[in-house]
Each structure stands twice: as C-alpha cells, then as structure tokens.
Amino acid sequence: MERTNRKEQVPLVIVSEYREPETSIDEGTRLQNGQFDVESQQPMPAAETISIYCKDTSNAVQVPESMLLYNITDEPPWFLSILLGMQHFLLLFGGTVSLPLLLAPHLCISPKDSGVPFLISSIFFVAGLDTLLQLTLGVRLPIIQGSTFTFFGPAIAILQLPRWQCPSESAIESMNYEDRQELWFSRVREIQGAIILSSLVEVLLGFTGAVGFLVRFIGPLTVVPTIALTGLSLFGVAAPWAGRHWGITIFAIALLTFFSQYAPRIRWRCVSVAWEERIRTACQLFPVLMTVVIAWSLCAILTAAGALPDDPKAYGYSARTDIKLDTLSQTPWFRFPYPFQWGWPTFSLSGLSMISGVLAGIVESIGDYYACARIAGAPPPPTHAINRGIGMEGLGCVLAGIWGTGSGTTSYSENIAALGITKVGSRRVVMCAAVVMMGIGIFTKFAGLLATMPDPIVGGLYCGLFGMISAVGLSQLQSVDLNSTRNLFVLGFSLFMGLTVPHWVSEHKKTLDTMTSVSQLNQVVQVLLTTSMFVGGFLACLLDNILPGTPQERGLTAMHSSVSTEDGHLIREIYHPPGFLIRLFNRCCCTSYLPFWPKPHKEEEPID
C-alpha cells in the first residue's frame, strides 16, 4: 500500500472493529487491534491515534472503538449537532416531565388547567439557559443541566405542612378559574423561595472555594461509589416505567443494544462501502433517536390494530399512543416563560430543608464532572473549574427559583452516559441541545407532543442507560490497587451501605421525624440519608481518608498527578473561561486570589 498525494488522500473513518482490507497486506503488519504504520510496517501502540490514507476507502484500516468521533473542542456540522442535541433532549425528557406530573397533586393543580404544561415549559427553558451558562462560564464540560429529584423530597415535605395541604377535589373543581390559579400559584411561590434560599448556599460553597478545598480529600474510591450509586439507585425510577409493558420495554432495550453496540460492528454486505460507513456512523450517533422512532411506531400500530387494552386498569394500557392526547390539546402553541411568572416568591424557615437537596446535588455533580471528563477524553477538572462549576450550578438553581420551575437544576448523569454510547463529546452538540431546550420551552405544543410518548419506551431507555452510568463510575478504578484488601473493603462497604441505608430510612421515616424537636433538621437528615450517592460517597470519603494507605495504593498519585505540557494546554483549552473574559479579568491583580478563576502560569503558552 502506498501513500497518495495529499489531494488524493481520503481520511480514515473511525469505526469500532478491525476489518479485513480487500487489498493484500503483509501478514506481519496485521495486529489484533488493527493498527500498524504504513511506511515502516511496524506495529503502533494501541493507545496512539493514527490516520491512514488510502487511494480507495475500501482499503481503510480501522481503529479501536475507544476513540471519540468528536472530542470536546471539535465542531461537528450544524445539522449533525442539532440532531445529536435532540437526542440529548430526549434523554432528559422523561425525568424532566415526570417531576411536574409528580408535583401536580401536591400543588393542587386541577386537570382542567394548563399548570403542568406551563411548569414543563418553564423547566425546559431554564434547563437550557443553565446549560449555556455552564458551557461558557462554568466547568465548561459537555454536561446537560436538568431538573433533579434531590429537590423533590424537600418540596413534598414543605407542601405536606398543614398550611399547604390541598382542599378536597370537589372543592377545587367548584372554584372559578382565578381561584384555582391562585391556589397553586401560592404553593409554587413557597417552593420558589425555598429553592432560592438554599441555592445561595451552593453559590457560596462554589465561588468561595470551599468545594475545591474538599476535593483534595476526594479520590477514585470516593468518586466510584458516588457515580455508580447514581446509576444503581435509579432502578426505582426505571422499574415503574418499564413494568407497564415489559414487551415494549424489552423491544426498546433490544433496539438500543442493536444500534449502539452491534450495528456499528457488522458488515453490511448488501450495500456499497460508502453507504456501509454511513449506516455504521448513523447507528453509532443516533441509537436513542432511532430506538424512540421505531418503538413509538410499533406502539402506534398496536394501538390502531386494537392489540393493546383500552381499560386504564389493565396491564399494557400505558403502551397506547392515544391516552395522553388531552395533554396535547390543552397545551398552547407558544408561551414565553418569564421571571416571577407566578408572583413574588415567599420565604419561610421550612425552606431550609432544601439545603439537603443542594448538598446531595453537589456530591453528585462532582462525580459527574470526573465521569464526563473521562468519557469525553479530557484531563481531570482542575480545582478552579470545579469551584466555578458548582457556583454556576447554584446560580442556575437560583434562576430556576426565579422562574418558578418547582425544582432546581443539576448535572444530568443520563446525558453523560449518552456521551459514552455515541462517542461524541463535543461542546457544540450540548450547546445545540441547550438551544433546543429553550426553544421547546417556548414552543410548548412540541413539549406536549413528546409528553405523549408511551411510558414503556421511556422505561426501556432508562434501563439501557442507567447501567452505563454505573459502569462509568466503576471505570474510575483503573488507577486503584484492587489487590489491596483495604480498597476492596472501602469500595464494597460504601456500595452496600449506599443501598442499605436509604432503603431502611425510606421504610422508617416516622423514626427520623421524631429524632429531634426541630422538624427542619429532621427533614434535612432524612433527605440526605435517602440519597444513595450521598451515603455511599460520604462513607467512601471518610474511610478512604482515615484508613492507612499509600497515595499510590488509593489511586491519588494518578488522579492528582501534575499534568504534562500537553495536558496543561488541554486544561487551558477546555476548562478556562472564554479568552475575552480571561483578558478582561486578568487586568485586575486581585484575580489571582479568586478560587474560581484560573491562575496564570509563566510556563504555560497562551491559547490562540
């Protein structure tokens, strides 16, 4: 095989397996991973990235599947970025929509009104806004910001107070429109005040550098249980959705597995080489999107054919595509969410219970930062980036309170798992997803259409992706000495207790309700102890720092080692704020004392 002139070169298409080239290649150059140097005919290390150019694309030699198709700083074509952004939107759709649906009965929202679609549109709009802020001014990793269930428990605890208990359903239906509106407006304003008050704590912890200081005590053995339990603890969310029709759920899981794992590896002999590469790339980039389209179409066919029951109490009824059409008809075409749309928020002492949700979100987000950096092929986030990311997440929760979404926002682990499946870690894709979310927040009719997605399809997506989150967490163990009984004890004990303690607390809530005479303190403790990632991460951090062990044994040497010149350049390119802000703030000498701002180093070269 000879190299051609540069104008005739065709770049290698990155796919996931070794493929036998049609032209003959010397047997000594062939390796198990499919890599070799064309000119020297010598094997290349598996970790190196090479580009091989061929006269004919059929002679292209393929590279390992661990490589990303697009890394953080790459800019895919706009049409591709928009489609991938839509896929990210679909992943957070189920969890985002379910929160208003769960809150609606406690907020006393009547089915006659459009309160739930309005809350959904507000959540999408603010989630997109917070994602843009995180991408430009925060940690700058390709992480989606979305509504979080960590605020759900404290919100329910507040709404169950005697002052906010709902009247009977008949009494609500007998009210006029204005009275029904004020009934749930007043409750949303109370939740708004609690979110704003508690989120200010997160802002202070981030921008004062307190979080960055605590990160010094966080090693791989702390990150692993935190991320792994984020995925494992979500079985309670996935099971109800999946169990409404296991047949459709298994079909969706099979489609997701085929498109993400099998289709990119097989040879499509019935088409040309060019179309074969296009099919592989499409399956690798859009597994979730294709799964949703095909599974939803099957549900529509079964509904039209009468194969699914029409009794709401019958098994499989949730797989029908015509049971949520009322939500679509009640949703207006356009509505622009605006600050304080329900009125000025109210503040009370009971709002302090929301701090528990903030603390749990911080622990989860720190683990998400490390997981996202690992999947996206980036160096571990530096301290100033973590401080800035947590501070911006707190600011995002404040914005959520100002807009009155009914919940705060945090990093979405489900979308981090999508980075590993699609192998696309580009910031531009996540930016397009943020714009899509803001657009959906305004174009509410489309959000109403997606709300009609059958529940078993959502459950199938959750089953396929939540396991990926746990696996990403476990992958952090590569720098830990797993032959050490110390490390095995810390890991096993924290994972087990991270599942055991929340299960016990959820079944004995009355015991904690009377633990102290301060009800707000009881609520804070209860929410923290029912959060698996907080319990597991806290125990792992405690044991990892009090039990004797060398830094190399604990994995700290590899995790916190000084970066090379190339890594230093990547850190500046990925984690530093935009260049115009760097130049603006560096004119002030006090910026070197800001814990959330990168400190200039003489040995570092400026970034173009």
Foldseek 3Di string as FASTA:
>chain_A
DDDDPPVQWDKADEFAQWDDAPDDDPPQLQDRQQAGDPPVSHGDDLPDDDIDTDNDNSRHTYHHPLAFPAFAADDDDPVLLLLLLVLLVLLCLVVLLVLLVVCCVLLLQDPVALPSLLLSLLQLQLQLVLQVCCCFFAQNFLFGKGFDCLLVLLLSVVSPPPVNGDDDPVVLVPDDPVVNLLSSLQSLLQLLQLLLVLLVVLLCCQFVLVLLVVCVLDFLLLLLQLQLCQLVVCCVVLVVLQQLAVVLLVQLLVQLCCLQPPLSPDAPVVDDPVVSSVSNLCSQSPSLVVSLVVSLVVLAVCQVVVVADPDPVDRRNLSHLPPLVVLLVNWDQFDAQDFCPSHHHDDDPSSPLSNLSLVSQLLNQLSVQQLSCVLSVAARAHSLNSSRNSSSQSVSSNVCSRSSSSGGIHTDLLVSLSCNRNSHRYSSSSSSSSVVSSVCSGRSSVSSSSVSRRSSSSSSSSVNRSSSSSVSSVVSCPQADPVDPLSVCLNVVLNVQLPVQLVVCVVPVVVLCVPDPDNSVSSSVSSQRNHSSNSSSVSSSVSVVPPDDDCSNSSNCVRVPDDDLVSVVSNCVRRARDPVVCVVVVVDVCQCVGSNHDDDDPVHDDDD
